Amino acid sequence: MVDFIRISQNELNSLFFKILIKHGVKEKEAEAVARIFTSNAADGVLSHSVNRFPLMIKYLDEKIIIPDNVPKKVSSYGVLEKWNAGRCFGVLSAECAMERAIEIASENGAGIVTMTNSNHWMRAGYYGWMAAEKGFIGICWTTTGKNLVPWGGTEIAIGNNPLVIAVPRKKGPIVFDSSMAQYSWGKIDEYISAGEKLPSIGGYDSNGNKTDDPSAIRETFKALPAGFWKGSGLSILLEAVACSLGNSPTVSEMPVSSIVETNMTQVFIALNNKMLNGIDNDNIADKIIDALHSSESEKPDSPIRYPGERIMQTRKDSKEKGIKVPIRSLENLKSML
């Protein structure tokens, strides 16, 4: 059982900032990184905020992250641009790329930016929310290291390549954020910390059997693709598109590792549907959500939710009551000062 505590957003942001400064990060950069990690924590995504922050600091100390570098545009053609992150903070290069995609889409209706040589971008959904909250449809994904067993295989050969699709809506954006694994490694670690089994099978144990034991999966590092053959196929295609646009290393050229994730390639797409239709399409998203909410749930006390709906309530609670974080994670962060 994991014990939690509430902490104000300002206090958590300050804690992230002070740790970054202690590790040699310049003030402006530290402010930006702390802001993104605090935002992810406020949305309840602990796996890629308070729980992952120490690993990012490890990347920094081992010079996997080069903090003084900034992303640079390499080439462009029409609404397509290719950038090189220079192995700076992955959260900053990803934010830069989505901002640039939005700028291009503001003028041309669509913007596509490929970011190469990037470090881990942490929570994928952050960049989809960025686009949707500015009124743009946002699509983005990233390659990873080899960390997934392809359907029908027995060895790790593909990446879990997280994909985000976000649609703007005044009542709350619709944001799909999922890796191509049945369970992301961050989510598996959450279940391990909670001492709980996965809701369904998520990978293989040391005997080659499919299992719902997160510790057994973490030990073998053999996760199952989401939707089995469907997630496996989608992972391969996401890699093919990203690496073709970036002319960058494929997942097969990455080491099998649960720790180091660097030299990633990420794609960011922003679509300005208002420019195409000349109107706000909120009513279309509302129709879809209304139909979903009116459909019958298998659990009467648990209504069907759209992707991103739960985050809206979590964000509200974090603002009013403080961010809910594991006591152990908070103590670990404070020990880094």
Protein backbone atom coordinates (compact mmCIF):
# COMPACT_ATOMS: atom_id res chain seq x y z
CA MET A 1 0.00 0.00 0.00
CA VAL A 2 1.32 3.44 -0.99
CA ASP A 3 0.81 6.35 1.43
CA PHE A 4 0.10 9.76 -0.12
CA ILE A 5 0.33 13.36 0.99
CA ARG A 6 -0.93 16.64 -0.52
CA ILE A 7 1.59 19.33 -1.44
CA SER A 8 0.90 22.73 -3.02
CA GLN A 9 1.82 23.28 -6.65
CA ASN A 10 4.12 26.14 -5.69
CA GLU A 11 5.95 24.00 -3.14
CA LEU A 12 6.45 21.10 -5.54
CA ASN A 13 7.54 23.43 -8.34
CA SER A 14 10.04 25.06 -5.98
CA LEU A 15 11.40 21.65 -4.97
CA PHE A 16 11.97 20.60 -8.59
CA PHE A 17 13.58 23.99 -9.33
CA LYS A 18 16.00 23.87 -6.39
CA ILE A 19 17.15 20.34 -7.27
CA LEU A 20 17.83 21.37 -10.86
CA ILE A 21 19.78 24.43 -9.76
CA LYS A 22 21.82 22.27 -7.39
CA HIS A 23 22.75 20.06 -10.35
CA GLY A 24 24.05 22.96 -12.39
CA VAL A 25 21.03 23.87 -14.52
CA LYS A 26 20.66 27.57 -15.35
CA GLU A 27 17.74 29.41 -13.80
CA LYS A 28 15.59 29.97 -16.91
CA GLU A 29 15.95 26.37 -18.00
CA ALA A 30 15.29 25.05 -14.49
CA GLU A 31 12.10 27.12 -14.29
CA ALA A 32 10.79 25.62 -17.54
CA VAL A 33 11.63 22.02 -16.63
CA ALA A 34 10.14 22.40 -13.13
CA ARG A 35 6.97 23.91 -14.61
CA ILE A 36 6.41 20.92 -16.92
CA PHE A 37 7.09 18.33 -14.21
CA THR A 38 4.74 20.15 -11.82
CA SER A 39 2.02 20.28 -14.49
CA ASN A 40 2.31 16.53 -15.06
CA ALA A 41 2.09 15.86 -11.31
CA ALA A 42 -0.94 18.16 -10.99
CA ASP A 43 -2.66 16.08 -13.67
CA GLY A 44 -2.05 12.95 -11.62
CA VAL A 45 0.61 11.46 -13.89
CA LEU A 46 3.04 10.45 -11.14
CA SER A 47 4.91 7.92 -13.26
CA HIS A 48 6.35 10.69 -15.42
CA SER A 49 6.69 13.45 -12.84
CA VAL A 50 7.66 12.91 -9.19
CA ASN A 51 8.50 9.24 -9.73
CA ARG A 52 10.62 9.83 -12.85
CA PHE A 53 12.34 13.06 -11.81
CA PRO A 54 15.27 11.32 -10.00
CA LEU A 55 16.02 9.33 -13.16
CA MET A 56 16.09 12.53 -15.19
CA ILE A 57 18.59 13.97 -12.71
CA LYS A 58 20.66 10.81 -13.19
CA TYR A 59 20.58 11.47 -16.96
CA LEU A 60 21.75 15.01 -16.23
CA ASP A 61 24.61 13.94 -13.95
CA GLU A 62 25.77 11.31 -16.45
CA LYS A 63 25.71 13.92 -19.26
CA ILE A 64 23.06 12.04 -21.23
CA ILE A 65 21.17 15.33 -21.00
CA ILE A 66 23.22 18.33 -22.16
CA PRO A 67 21.39 21.23 -20.48
CA ASP A 68 23.07 24.15 -22.27
CA ASN A 69 22.08 22.87 -25.72
CA VAL A 70 18.97 24.17 -27.50
CA PRO A 71 16.97 22.60 -30.36
CA LYS A 72 17.95 23.80 -33.82
CA LYS A 73 16.11 23.61 -37.14
CA VAL A 74 17.96 21.42 -39.63
CA SER A 75 15.77 21.64 -42.72
CA SER A 76 12.25 22.49 -43.92
CA TYR A 77 9.93 21.94 -46.86
CA GLY A 78 6.46 23.46 -46.94
CA VAL A 79 4.75 22.67 -43.63
CA LEU A 80 7.40 20.06 -42.76
CA GLU A 81 10.36 20.86 -40.55
CA LYS A 82 13.17 18.74 -39.12
CA TRP A 83 14.93 19.77 -35.90
CA ASN A 84 17.82 18.42 -33.83
CA ALA A 85 17.36 18.53 -30.04
CA GLY A 86 21.08 18.26 -29.34
CA ARG A 87 20.26 15.95 -26.41
CA CYS A 88 18.93 18.82 -24.30
CA PHE A 89 16.12 18.22 -21.78
CA GLY A 90 13.58 16.08 -23.62
CA VAL A 91 10.65 17.97 -22.11
CA LEU A 92 11.99 21.26 -23.46
CA SER A 93 12.76 20.04 -26.99
CA ALA A 94 9.31 18.42 -27.18
CA GLU A 95 7.57 21.58 -25.97
CA CYS A 96 9.57 23.59 -28.50
CA ALA A 97 8.56 21.23 -31.31
CA MET A 98 4.83 21.33 -30.55
CA GLU A 99 4.96 25.13 -30.22
CA ARG A 100 6.62 25.32 -33.64
CA ALA A 101 4.07 22.92 -35.18
CA ILE A 102 1.29 25.16 -33.85
CA GLU A 103 2.98 28.26 -35.31
CA ILE A 104 3.19 26.62 -38.74
CA ALA A 105 -0.44 25.43 -38.53
CA SER A 106 -1.59 28.94 -37.58
CA GLU A 107 -0.35 30.16 -40.95
CA ASN A 108 -0.83 27.11 -43.16
CA GLY A 109 -3.54 24.96 -41.57
CA ALA A 110 -1.11 22.18 -40.67
CA GLY A 111 2.35 21.96 -39.16
CA ILE A 112 4.60 18.93 -38.84
CA VAL A 113 7.86 18.99 -36.89
CA THR A 114 10.21 16.06 -36.46
CA MET A 115 12.62 16.31 -33.51
CA THR A 116 15.68 14.05 -33.68
CA ASN A 117 18.47 13.32 -31.17
CA SER A 118 16.07 13.90 -28.29
CA ASN A 119 16.05 12.62 -24.73
CA HIS A 120 13.00 11.13 -23.01
CA TRP A 121 10.05 13.57 -23.28
CA MET A 122 8.48 12.19 -20.07
CA ARG A 123 4.65 12.44 -20.21
CA ALA A 124 3.56 12.19 -23.83
CA GLY A 125 0.11 13.63 -23.22
CA TYR A 126 1.50 16.99 -22.09
CA TYR A 127 2.17 17.99 -25.70
CA GLY A 128 -1.29 16.94 -26.87
CA TRP A 129 -2.87 19.06 -24.13
CA MET A 130 -0.66 21.95 -25.28
CA ALA A 131 -2.13 21.85 -28.77
CA ALA A 132 -5.74 21.23 -27.73
CA GLU A 133 -5.76 24.03 -25.15
CA LYS A 134 -4.67 26.43 -27.90
CA GLY A 135 -7.50 25.25 -30.17
CA PHE A 136 -5.51 22.87 -32.40
CA ILE A 137 -5.82 19.18 -33.06
CA GLY A 138 -2.54 17.70 -31.83
CA ILE A 139 -0.91 14.41 -32.77
CA CYS A 140 2.52 13.32 -31.59
CA TRP A 141 4.54 10.21 -30.93
CA THR A 142 8.07 9.12 -30.09
CA THR A 143 10.39 6.23 -30.70
CA THR A 144 11.93 4.50 -27.69
CA GLY A 145 14.61 1.95 -27.02
CA LYS A 146 13.84 -1.75 -27.56
CA ASN A 147 11.38 -2.56 -24.78
CA LEU A 148 8.53 -4.56 -26.30
CA VAL A 149 8.04 -8.10 -27.59
CA PRO A 150 6.37 -8.08 -31.04
CA TRP A 151 3.24 -10.17 -31.38
CA GLY A 152 4.18 -13.75 -32.17
CA GLY A 153 7.75 -13.25 -30.95
CA THR A 154 9.67 -14.31 -27.87
CA GLU A 155 12.38 -11.63 -27.74
CA ILE A 156 12.38 -7.86 -27.27
CA ALA A 157 12.59 -6.30 -30.72
CA ILE A 158 10.37 -3.19 -30.97
CA GLY A 159 9.63 -0.06 -28.94
CA ASN A 160 6.46 0.87 -27.07
CA ASN A 161 6.44 4.17 -29.04
CA PRO A 162 3.80 6.28 -27.17
CA LEU A 163 1.12 7.97 -29.31
CA VAL A 164 -1.01 11.03 -28.44
CA ILE A 165 -4.09 12.34 -30.26
CA ALA A 166 -5.78 15.45 -28.84
CA VAL A 167 -8.92 17.30 -29.96
CA PRO A 168 -9.83 20.76 -28.62
CA ARG A 169 -13.13 21.23 -26.79
CA LYS A 170 -14.22 24.09 -24.52
CA LYS A 171 -15.71 21.74 -21.92
CA GLY A 172 -12.43 19.81 -21.80
CA PRO A 173 -10.16 18.47 -24.57
CA ILE A 174 -10.35 14.85 -25.67
CA VAL A 175 -6.80 13.52 -25.21
CA PHE A 176 -5.70 9.97 -25.95
CA ASP A 177 -2.25 9.18 -24.51
CA SER A 178 -1.00 5.62 -24.75
CA SER A 179 2.15 3.65 -25.30
CA MET A 180 1.97 0.68 -27.64
CA ALA A 181 2.49 -1.61 -24.65
CA GLN A 182 -0.48 -3.03 -22.81
CA TYR A 183 0.96 -1.18 -19.80
CA SER A 184 3.68 1.47 -19.93
CA TRP A 185 6.76 0.86 -17.77
CA GLY A 186 5.74 3.79 -15.61
CA LYS A 187 2.35 2.21 -15.00
CA ILE A 188 3.93 -1.18 -14.28
CA ASP A 189 6.16 0.48 -11.68
CA GLU A 190 3.08 2.09 -10.10
CA TYR A 191 1.47 -1.33 -9.66
CA ILE A 192 4.70 -2.70 -8.20
CA SER A 193 4.82 0.15 -5.67
CA ALA A 194 1.19 -0.45 -4.75
CA GLY A 195 1.79 -4.20 -4.37
CA GLU A 196 -1.02 -4.92 -6.83
CA LYS A 197 -1.46 -7.20 -9.84
CA LEU A 198 -2.22 -5.73 -13.25
CA PRO A 199 -5.91 -5.71 -14.29
CA SER A 200 -5.02 -8.08 -17.17
CA ILE A 201 -1.97 -9.84 -18.60
CA GLY A 202 0.78 -7.38 -19.51
CA GLY A 203 3.92 -9.34 -20.31
CA TYR A 204 5.98 -12.47 -19.79
CA ASP A 205 7.56 -14.03 -16.70
CA SER A 206 10.94 -15.79 -16.59
CA ASN A 207 9.33 -19.05 -17.73
CA GLY A 208 7.94 -17.45 -20.87
CA ASN A 209 4.37 -17.44 -19.61
CA LYS A 210 2.04 -14.46 -20.02
CA THR A 211 1.41 -12.88 -16.61
CA ASP A 212 -0.36 -10.10 -14.73
CA ASP A 213 2.47 -9.88 -12.16
CA PRO A 214 4.18 -6.50 -12.72
CA SER A 215 7.32 -7.52 -10.80
CA ALA A 216 7.76 -10.58 -13.01
CA ILE A 217 7.41 -8.42 -16.12
CA ARG A 218 9.87 -5.85 -14.81
CA GLU A 219 12.35 -8.67 -14.15
CA THR A 220 12.19 -10.02 -17.72
CA PHE A 221 11.60 -6.60 -19.30
CA LYS A 222 9.24 -8.39 -21.71
CA ALA A 223 6.03 -6.41 -22.09
CA LEU A 224 3.10 -7.32 -24.35
CA PRO A 225 1.91 -4.92 -27.06
CA ALA A 226 -1.47 -3.24 -26.52
CA GLY A 227 -4.18 -5.09 -28.39
CA PHE A 228 -1.60 -7.80 -29.10
CA TRP A 229 -1.06 -7.84 -32.90
CA LYS A 230 -2.65 -4.40 -33.36
CA GLY A 231 -0.32 -2.59 -30.98
CA SER A 232 2.62 -4.49 -32.42
CA GLY A 233 1.77 -3.39 -35.96
CA LEU A 234 1.11 0.20 -34.96
CA SER A 235 4.42 0.40 -33.08
CA ILE A 236 6.30 -0.69 -36.19
CA LEU A 237 4.52 1.87 -38.39
CA LEU A 238 5.01 4.73 -35.92
CA GLU A 239 8.73 3.96 -35.90
CA ALA A 240 8.87 3.75 -39.70
CA VAL A 241 7.21 7.16 -40.15
CA ALA A 242 9.26 8.91 -37.45
CA CYS A 243 12.61 7.55 -38.57
CA SER A 244 11.83 8.18 -42.25
CA LEU A 245 11.01 11.82 -41.51
CA GLY A 246 14.02 12.21 -39.24
CA ASN A 247 16.48 10.05 -41.19
CA SER A 248 17.36 8.82 -37.72
CA PRO A 249 18.35 5.60 -35.90
CA THR A 250 15.67 2.92 -35.78
CA VAL A 251 14.59 1.09 -32.65
CA SER A 252 16.58 -1.95 -33.78
CA GLU A 253 19.74 0.16 -33.48
CA MET A 254 18.97 1.07 -29.87
CA PRO A 255 20.21 -1.01 -26.91
CA VAL A 256 17.78 -3.05 -24.84
CA SER A 257 17.58 -0.94 -21.70
CA SER A 258 15.10 -0.05 -19.00
CA ILE A 259 17.24 2.89 -17.86
CA VAL A 260 18.77 4.95 -20.67
CA GLU A 261 16.43 6.40 -23.28
CA THR A 262 18.21 8.87 -25.53
CA ASN A 263 18.58 9.64 -29.24
CA MET A 264 14.82 9.39 -29.67
CA THR A 265 12.92 10.68 -32.70
CA GLN A 266 9.59 12.43 -32.15
CA VAL A 267 6.91 13.71 -34.51
CA PHE A 268 4.58 16.62 -33.69
CA ILE A 269 1.55 17.49 -35.82
CA ALA A 270 -0.78 20.45 -35.31
CA LEU A 271 -3.96 20.83 -37.38
CA ASN A 272 -5.96 24.05 -37.59
CA ASN A 273 -9.45 22.77 -38.40
CA LYS A 274 -10.96 26.23 -37.88
CA MET A 275 -8.98 27.45 -40.87
CA LEU A 276 -10.35 24.59 -42.97
CA ASN A 277 -14.00 24.89 -41.96
CA GLY A 278 -14.18 28.53 -40.90
CA ILE A 279 -16.08 27.59 -37.75
CA ASP A 280 -15.51 26.18 -34.28
CA ASN A 281 -16.15 22.42 -34.33
CA ASP A 282 -16.88 22.11 -30.60
CA ASN A 283 -20.40 20.88 -31.34
CA ILE A 284 -18.99 17.82 -33.11
CA ALA A 285 -16.84 16.84 -30.14
CA ASP A 286 -19.80 17.50 -27.83
CA LYS A 287 -22.03 15.17 -29.85
CA ILE A 288 -19.47 12.40 -29.59
CA ILE A 289 -19.05 12.87 -25.83
CA ASP A 290 -22.81 13.17 -25.20
CA ALA A 291 -23.40 9.88 -27.04
CA LEU A 292 -20.64 8.23 -25.03
CA HIS A 293 -21.98 9.49 -21.68
CA SER A 294 -25.52 8.36 -22.53
CA SER A 295 -24.43 4.82 -23.38
CA GLU A 296 -24.92 2.13 -20.76
CA SER A 297 -22.01 1.30 -18.46
CA GLU A 298 -21.34 -2.23 -17.24
CA LYS A 299 -20.87 -0.67 -13.80
CA PRO A 300 -23.77 1.70 -12.92
CA ASP A 301 -21.64 3.54 -10.34
CA SER A 302 -18.78 4.03 -12.82
CA PRO A 303 -19.87 6.04 -15.88
CA ILE A 304 -18.02 5.72 -19.17
CA ARG A 305 -15.38 8.42 -19.53
CA TYR A 306 -13.75 9.90 -22.59
CA PRO A 307 -9.93 10.04 -22.85
CA GLY A 308 -8.70 12.91 -20.68
CA GLU A 309 -11.90 13.36 -18.68
CA ARG A 310 -10.46 12.12 -15.40
CA ILE A 311 -7.54 14.52 -15.69
CA MET A 312 -9.86 17.55 -15.61
CA GLN A 313 -11.08 16.58 -12.13
CA THR A 314 -7.59 15.65 -10.92
CA ARG A 315 -6.26 19.03 -12.09
CA LYS A 316 -9.06 20.80 -10.21
CA ASP A 317 -8.35 18.84 -7.03
CA SER A 318 -4.63 19.56 -7.28
CA LYS A 319 -5.28 23.29 -7.52
CA GLU A 320 -7.75 23.38 -4.63
CA LYS A 321 -6.28 20.76 -2.27
CA GLY A 322 -2.68 20.35 -3.39
CA ILE A 323 -1.01 17.72 -5.57
CA LYS A 324 -1.36 14.16 -4.32
CA VAL A 325 2.07 12.49 -4.26
CA PRO A 326 3.48 9.35 -2.64
CA ILE A 327 5.20 10.17 0.66
CA ARG A 328 8.14 7.99 -0.33
CA SER A 329 8.59 9.88 -3.63
CA LEU A 330 8.42 13.25 -1.88
CA GLU A 331 10.99 12.19 0.72
CA ASN A 332 13.23 10.94 -2.07
CA LEU A 333 13.02 14.32 -3.81
CA LYS A 334 13.77 16.24 -0.62
CA SER A 335 16.82 14.05 0.00
CA MET A 336 18.25 15.33 -3.29
CA LEU A 337 18.60 18.90 -2.00
